[in-house]
Protein backbone atom coordinates (compact mmCIF):
# COMPACT_ATOMS: atom_id res chain seq x y z
CA MET A 1 103.11 80.86 132.85
CA GLY A 2 103.48 82.07 136.43
CA GLY A 3 101.68 80.68 139.41
CA HIS A 4 98.86 83.18 139.10
CA HIS A 5 98.39 82.33 135.42
CA THR A 6 97.05 78.84 135.93
CA GLY A 7 94.24 79.21 133.42
CA THR A 8 91.60 78.69 136.12
CA VAL A 9 90.06 82.06 135.25
CA ALA A 10 89.10 83.50 131.90
CA ALA A 11 91.74 85.49 130.07
CA VAL A 12 91.56 89.19 130.83
CA LYS A 13 92.05 91.28 127.72
CA PRO A 14 93.27 94.87 127.87
CA ARG A 15 90.92 97.68 126.99
CA ARG A 16 90.65 98.08 123.22
CA TRP A 17 91.67 101.48 121.89
CA ALA A 18 90.57 102.98 118.58
CA TYR A 19 94.08 104.06 117.64
CA ILE A 20 95.10 100.44 117.10
CA ASP A 21 92.58 100.19 114.26
CA TYR A 22 93.94 103.38 112.72
CA LEU A 23 97.50 102.08 113.01
CA ARG A 24 96.46 98.88 111.24
CA VAL A 25 95.01 100.87 108.35
CA ILE A 26 98.10 103.09 108.14
CA ALA A 27 100.43 100.09 108.14
CA THR A 28 98.33 98.37 105.46
CA VAL A 29 98.31 101.44 103.22
CA PHE A 30 102.02 101.99 103.81
CA VAL A 31 102.99 98.45 102.81
CA ILE A 32 101.19 98.83 99.47
CA PHE A 33 102.57 102.28 98.74
CA GLY A 34 106.02 101.13 99.84
CA HIS A 35 106.17 98.34 97.28
CA THR A 36 104.70 100.64 94.63
CA VAL A 37 107.40 103.24 95.28
CA ALA A 38 109.98 100.45 95.14
CA VAL A 39 108.78 99.70 91.60
CA ALA A 40 109.01 103.38 90.65
CA ARG A 41 112.50 103.60 92.09
CA THR A 42 113.75 101.12 89.48
CA TYR A 43 112.98 103.74 86.80
CA ALA A 44 115.07 106.46 88.45
CA ALA A 45 118.83 106.75 88.12
CA PRO A 46 120.65 106.51 91.48
CA GLY A 47 121.80 109.90 92.73
CA THR A 48 119.15 111.88 90.88
CA LEU A 49 116.67 114.06 92.73
CA LEU A 50 113.80 111.77 91.71
CA PHE A 51 115.62 108.73 93.09
CA GLN A 52 116.34 110.49 96.36
CA VAL A 53 112.75 111.66 96.81
CA LEU A 54 111.47 108.15 96.08
CA GLU A 55 113.98 106.77 98.56
CA ILE A 56 112.72 109.13 101.25
CA PHE A 57 109.16 107.98 100.60
CA ASN A 58 110.41 104.41 100.67
CA PHE A 59 111.83 105.07 104.14
CA ILE A 60 108.53 106.54 105.31
CA PHE A 61 106.46 103.65 104.01
CA SER A 62 108.94 101.00 105.23
CA SER A 63 107.98 101.90 108.78
CA CYS A 64 104.95 99.66 108.15
CA ASN A 65 107.11 96.62 108.95
CA LEU A 66 107.78 97.86 112.46
CA MET A 67 104.21 99.07 112.89
CA PHE A 68 102.79 95.61 112.17
CA VAL A 69 105.13 94.12 114.78
CA MET A 70 104.42 96.89 117.31
CA ILE A 71 100.66 96.48 116.87
CA SER A 72 101.03 92.76 117.57
CA GLY A 73 102.98 93.48 120.74
CA ALA A 74 100.46 96.09 121.87
CA LEU A 75 97.57 93.65 121.41
CA LEU A 76 99.06 90.37 122.62
CA LEU A 77 101.38 91.14 125.51
CA PRO A 78 98.91 92.87 127.89
CA VAL A 79 96.54 89.85 127.89
CA ARG A 80 96.45 88.07 131.26
CA GLY A 81 95.30 84.62 132.26
CA GLU A 82 95.19 83.05 128.79
CA ARG A 83 96.37 79.47 128.74
CA CYS A 84 99.18 78.68 126.30
CA ARG A 85 97.07 75.97 124.70
CA ASP A 86 94.21 78.37 124.04
CA PHE A 87 96.55 81.06 122.76
CA PHE A 88 98.30 78.84 120.24
CA ALA A 89 95.04 77.21 119.08
CA ARG A 90 93.52 80.63 118.43
CA ARG A 91 96.61 82.01 116.67
CA PHE A 92 97.01 78.88 114.56
CA SER A 93 93.58 79.51 113.10
CA ARG A 94 93.96 83.26 112.63
CA VAL A 95 97.58 83.60 111.55
CA LEU A 96 99.22 80.35 110.51
CA ILE A 97 96.40 78.90 108.40
CA PRO A 98 96.06 81.99 106.14
CA MET A 99 99.84 82.14 105.76
CA LEU A 100 100.00 78.50 104.65
CA VAL A 101 97.09 78.92 102.24
CA TYR A 102 98.59 82.01 100.60
CA TYR A 103 102.06 80.43 100.54
CA ILE A 104 100.73 77.47 98.56
CA LEU A 105 98.70 79.75 96.28
CA TYR A 106 101.79 81.80 95.42
CA VAL A 107 103.80 78.68 94.62
CA CYS A 108 101.01 77.15 92.52
CA ALA A 109 100.42 80.43 90.67
CA LYS A 110 104.00 80.36 89.41
CA GLU A 111 104.80 76.66 89.15
CA GLY A 112 101.39 75.16 88.40
CA ILE A 113 98.67 73.28 90.24
CA GLY A 114 100.84 70.17 90.05
CA GLN A 115 102.54 71.39 93.21
CA MET A 116 99.38 70.29 95.06
CA HIS A 117 99.89 66.62 94.10
CA PRO A 118 100.49 64.37 97.15
CA SER A 119 103.93 63.51 95.79
CA GLN A 120 104.91 67.17 96.24
CA TRP A 121 103.65 67.57 99.81
CA GLY A 122 106.98 66.73 101.40
CA LEU A 123 108.81 69.24 99.21
CA MET A 124 106.15 71.87 99.88
CA LEU A 125 106.49 71.36 103.63
CA LYS A 126 110.25 71.70 103.35
CA ARG A 127 109.86 74.94 101.41
CA ILE A 128 107.47 76.32 104.01
CA LEU A 129 109.86 75.47 106.83
CA THR A 130 112.77 76.98 104.93
CA GLY A 131 111.28 80.46 104.76
CA PRO A 132 109.54 82.93 102.44
CA PRO A 133 108.88 81.71 98.89
CA GLU A 134 110.66 83.31 95.98
CA GLU A 135 107.22 84.19 94.64
CA ALA A 136 106.37 86.21 97.78
CA PRO A 137 109.51 87.65 99.40
CA HIS A 138 107.41 89.93 101.63
CA PHE A 139 106.53 86.85 103.68
CA TRP A 140 109.72 87.44 105.68
CA LEU A 141 107.66 89.76 107.90
CA VAL A 142 104.99 87.09 108.37
CA TYR A 143 107.62 84.62 109.55
CA VAL A 144 108.92 87.20 112.03
CA ILE A 145 105.43 87.79 113.41
CA ILE A 146 104.69 84.06 113.71
CA TRP A 147 107.89 83.39 115.63
CA LEU A 148 107.10 86.32 117.93
CA TYR A 149 103.75 84.67 118.63
CA VAL A 150 105.67 81.56 119.68
CA LEU A 151 107.57 83.71 122.20
CA THR A 152 104.47 85.56 123.38
CA PRO A 153 103.63 83.42 126.48
CA PHE A 154 107.17 83.89 127.81
CA LEU A 155 107.25 87.59 126.97
CA ARG A 156 103.86 88.09 128.62
CA TYR A 157 105.18 86.68 131.86
CA LEU A 158 108.28 88.84 131.58
CA VAL A 159 106.58 92.19 130.98
CA GLN A 160 103.72 91.58 133.41
CA ASN A 161 106.02 90.75 136.30
CA ILE A 162 108.65 93.47 136.20
CA PRO A 163 108.38 97.00 137.64
CA ASP A 164 107.75 99.92 135.30
CA GLU A 165 111.17 101.41 135.98
CA VAL A 166 112.78 98.14 134.93
CA MET A 167 110.71 98.20 131.74
CA ASP A 168 112.13 101.66 131.03
CA GLY A 169 115.58 100.14 131.34
CA VAL A 170 114.64 97.29 129.02
CA MET A 171 113.70 99.85 126.35
CA ILE A 172 117.05 101.61 126.74
CA VAL A 173 118.87 98.28 126.37
CA ILE A 174 116.82 97.42 123.26
CA PHE A 175 117.78 100.67 121.55
CA LEU A 176 121.40 100.27 122.63
CA VAL A 177 121.63 96.72 121.24
CA ASN A 178 120.02 97.81 117.96
CA ALA A 179 122.39 100.76 117.71
CA LEU A 180 125.44 98.55 118.26
CA SER A 181 124.20 96.03 115.71
CA THR A 182 123.51 98.80 113.17
CA TYR A 183 126.54 101.04 113.50
CA THR A 184 129.52 98.99 114.71
CA PRO A 185 129.99 97.48 111.19
CA LEU A 186 130.88 101.03 110.08
CA PHE A 187 134.05 100.61 112.13
CA GLY A 188 134.77 97.09 110.93
CA ILE A 189 133.35 95.45 114.05
CA ASP A 190 130.77 92.67 114.04
CA LEU A 191 129.31 91.95 117.48
CA HIS A 192 127.13 89.13 116.07
CA LEU A 193 123.96 90.66 117.45
CA SER A 194 121.95 90.14 114.28
CA GLY A 195 120.28 87.02 115.67
CA ILE A 196 118.79 89.06 118.50
CA VAL A 197 118.03 92.18 116.49
CA ASP A 198 116.60 90.46 113.43
CA SER A 199 114.06 88.66 115.59
CA PHE A 200 112.25 92.01 116.05
CA ALA A 201 111.56 91.01 119.66
CA GLY A 202 112.68 94.48 120.74
CA VAL A 203 110.16 96.11 118.39
CA PHE A 204 107.48 93.72 119.67
CA LEU A 205 108.20 94.86 123.23
CA LEU A 206 108.31 98.48 122.10
CA GLY A 207 104.71 98.22 120.90
CA TYR A 208 103.62 96.94 124.30
CA TYR A 209 105.62 99.65 126.06
CA LEU A 210 104.12 102.49 124.04
CA ALA A 211 100.61 101.11 124.46
CA GLU A 212 100.76 100.30 128.18
CA LYS A 213 103.76 101.70 130.04
CA SER A 214 105.14 104.87 128.49
CA SER A 215 104.51 108.17 130.26
CA ARG A 216 103.61 111.36 128.43
CA ARG A 217 107.14 112.65 128.98
CA VAL A 218 108.61 109.51 127.42
CA GLU A 219 106.16 109.77 124.53
CA ASN A 220 107.37 113.33 123.93
CA VAL A 221 110.91 111.98 123.72
CA PHE A 222 109.82 109.47 121.07
CA LEU A 223 108.00 112.17 119.11
CA ALA A 224 111.08 114.39 119.12
CA GLY A 225 113.31 111.42 118.31
CA GLY A 226 111.12 110.46 115.37
CA ILE A 227 111.23 113.96 113.89
CA ILE A 228 115.00 114.19 114.31
CA SER A 229 115.44 110.70 112.86
CA PHE A 230 113.44 111.65 109.78
CA PHE A 231 115.63 114.65 109.01
CA ILE A 232 118.81 112.69 109.71
CA THR A 233 117.60 110.01 107.29
CA CYS A 234 116.81 112.61 104.63
CA TYR A 235 120.35 113.97 105.00
CA ILE A 236 121.86 110.48 104.72
CA ILE A 237 119.82 109.65 101.61
CA THR A 238 120.68 112.91 99.83
CA ASN A 239 124.35 112.98 100.79
CA LEU A 240 125.51 109.37 101.06
CA GLY A 241 125.44 106.58 98.52
CA TRP A 242 125.50 103.69 100.98
CA TYR A 243 122.90 103.53 103.67
CA ASP A 244 120.47 100.62 103.26
CA ALA A 245 121.88 98.76 106.27
CA TYR A 246 121.75 101.86 108.46
CA ILE A 247 118.27 103.35 108.01
CA TYR A 248 115.83 100.45 107.58
CA ASN A 249 114.29 97.74 109.78
CA ASN A 250 115.83 97.80 113.28
CA ALA A 251 118.06 100.84 112.79
CA PRO A 252 117.44 103.20 115.74
CA THR A 253 116.34 105.98 113.38
CA MET A 254 113.65 103.75 111.86
CA MET A 255 112.57 102.52 115.30
CA LEU A 256 112.23 106.09 116.56
CA PHE A 257 110.37 107.15 113.41
CA ALA A 258 107.90 104.26 113.70
CA ALA A 259 107.49 104.83 117.45
CA ALA A 260 106.75 108.52 116.81
CA GLN A 261 103.98 107.56 114.39
CA PHE A 262 102.58 105.12 116.96
CA VAL A 263 102.53 107.83 119.64
CA LEU A 264 101.12 110.47 117.29
CA VAL A 265 98.17 108.29 116.24
CA LYS A 266 97.64 107.31 119.88
CA ARG A 267 97.48 110.97 120.87
CA ILE A 268 95.17 111.99 118.02
CA ALA A 269 92.73 109.15 118.73
CA ALA A 270 93.00 109.59 122.51
CA GLY A 271 89.89 108.51 124.40
CA GLY A 272 88.28 106.85 121.43
CA GLU A 273 86.99 103.30 121.63
CA ARG A 274 85.04 103.18 118.37
CA THR A 275 86.24 103.77 114.85
CA PRO A 276 84.38 104.29 111.57
CA ALA A 277 83.04 101.11 110.00
CA PHE A 278 85.40 101.29 106.99
CA VAL A 279 88.41 101.59 109.32
CA ARG A 280 87.32 98.51 111.27
CA MET A 281 86.67 96.68 108.01
CA ILE A 282 90.14 97.40 106.61
CA GLY A 283 91.69 96.57 109.96
CA LYS A 284 89.86 93.26 110.04
CA TYR A 285 91.39 92.20 106.73
CA SER A 286 94.76 93.93 107.15
CA TYR A 287 96.62 90.64 107.65
CA SER A 288 95.10 89.06 104.56
CA ILE A 289 95.79 92.23 102.56
CA LEU A 290 99.41 92.03 103.69
CA LEU A 291 99.58 88.45 102.42
CA ILE A 292 97.88 88.95 99.06
CA HIS A 293 98.98 92.43 97.96
CA TRP A 294 102.29 91.32 96.40
CA GLY A 295 100.52 89.07 93.92
CA VAL A 296 97.85 91.66 93.17
CA LEU A 297 100.49 94.34 92.54
CA HIS A 298 102.92 92.36 90.41
CA PHE A 299 100.44 90.17 88.58
CA GLY A 300 96.96 91.69 88.69
CA VAL A 301 97.89 95.35 88.31
CA LYS A 302 101.12 95.18 86.30
CA GLN A 303 100.50 92.17 84.05
CA VAL A 304 96.72 91.89 83.75
CA LEU A 305 95.70 95.56 83.87
CA HIS A 306 99.02 96.71 82.31
CA VAL A 307 99.26 99.65 84.71
CA ASP A 308 102.72 101.19 84.96
CA VAL A 309 104.12 103.59 87.52
CA MET A 310 105.09 105.97 84.70
CA MET A 311 101.49 106.37 83.53
CA GLY A 312 100.50 109.99 84.10
CA GLY A 313 103.93 110.78 85.47
CA VAL A 314 105.68 108.86 88.22
CA TRP A 315 103.54 110.28 91.03
CA GLY A 316 100.25 109.76 89.24
CA GLY A 317 101.36 106.29 88.24
CA CYS A 318 102.36 105.40 91.80
CA ILE A 319 99.03 106.56 93.20
CA LEU A 320 97.03 104.76 90.50
CA MET A 321 98.98 101.54 90.96
CA ALA A 322 98.70 101.69 94.76
CA VAL A 323 94.97 102.41 94.71
CA LEU A 324 94.27 99.56 92.29
CA THR A 325 96.46 97.24 94.36
CA PHE A 326 94.61 98.19 97.53
CA ILE A 327 91.18 97.65 95.96
CA GLY A 328 92.20 94.34 94.41
CA SER A 329 93.89 93.17 97.63
CA PHE A 330 90.90 94.03 99.78
CA ALA A 331 88.50 92.25 97.39
CA GLY A 332 90.77 89.22 97.13
CA ALA A 333 91.27 89.06 100.89
CA VAL A 334 87.52 89.11 101.55
CA ILE A 335 86.79 86.47 98.89
CA LEU A 336 89.52 84.08 100.04
CA ASP A 337 88.72 84.56 103.74
CA TYR A 338 85.12 83.52 103.14
CA THR A 339 85.92 80.66 100.78
CA LEU A 340 89.20 78.79 100.72
CA ILE A 341 90.52 79.83 104.14
CA LEU A 342 87.12 79.27 105.76
CA TRP A 343 86.91 75.80 104.21
CA VAL A 344 90.37 74.90 105.47
CA ARG A 345 89.49 76.08 108.97
CA LYS A 346 86.26 74.10 108.97
CA GLY A 347 88.04 71.04 107.64
CA LEU A 348 90.73 71.22 110.31
CA GLY A 349 88.07 71.87 112.95
CA ALA A 350 86.15 68.77 111.86
CA LEU A 351 89.38 66.76 111.87
CA GLY A 352 90.18 67.97 115.37
CA SER A 353 86.72 67.03 116.59
CA LEU A 354 87.07 63.58 115.04
CA ILE A 355 90.43 63.03 116.74
CA CYS A 356 88.99 64.09 120.10
CA ALA A 357 86.06 61.72 119.65
CA VAL A 358 88.37 58.82 118.80
CA LYS A 359 90.56 59.57 121.83
CA LYS A 360 87.54 59.56 124.12
CA LYS A 361 86.41 56.19 122.76
CA ILE A 362 89.88 54.74 123.23
CA LEU A 363 90.04 56.00 126.81
CA ARG A 364 86.63 54.49 127.57
CA VAL A 365 87.80 51.13 126.27
């Protein structure tokens, strides 16, 4: 950190806004509905009106990926004076431990409890370091967020020590780089920018920018850009048969659409600092719901409850499946947070205290 971030003073957190809690809830609901619509899409023939409508909804709900990243940037980057050691210790407990617990649960649910045997620990560690498990492919987003946390101390110093007009330029460069990465392959050109773009660092910074630095005029630009992007995407989906690489994730149209939602919720909840209790509750468990919902949807709802997206028609089936997945995910998240994950945290805390005590004794000797 910079010279004025020595850690000699307590970390100064930015003012907490209610719209962040609403955005968390929206992103959480969107991720569940998105995967439910993805299931329904497998029943529709490509090119049909039903398929196209489901694809449009899939685009809408897929903005949750960017929203989760933007929310993280909006919350983490404005914090001043927090020591790197304190930051990583806090995030290890809140983010990495639940991810590891759920990762192992997904693997054991498919391959058996034998995967917990000490002889399998090395292989399990290798799998975790390799990336998302086959049993939970949605973990790709969790890996993105964790690596962005690793970059957070550096990014904090960057954004907190550059003028606002330079930050405006940074946003322009981010959209330009994402546009080049997205559209140059259409002309047979590969600029090898995927390593930068796929990191979602630009989206992370965009969340901070919209929360802290964007003017009302700039926000209006994002709102207009999001509306235009939505209609452009609808046209692409209904008129082109190849578009996955050009409308999702870091495509400029998706970034503008997600940014417009961010700004819209920010405007609607302007001035608020408190949210309804149920919104805060869902927001509190949004990360755990993100982790567990895949298993609840594909095992609990589909295999145990035998709920299908075609029950009551595709729309009724999608809503029923999504609602059941949300309820089951919320219940499972609460239960696991207060049992298994809590036990792991306490165990690691006790281990850390023991190590510190041993170190002190050794130093005294």
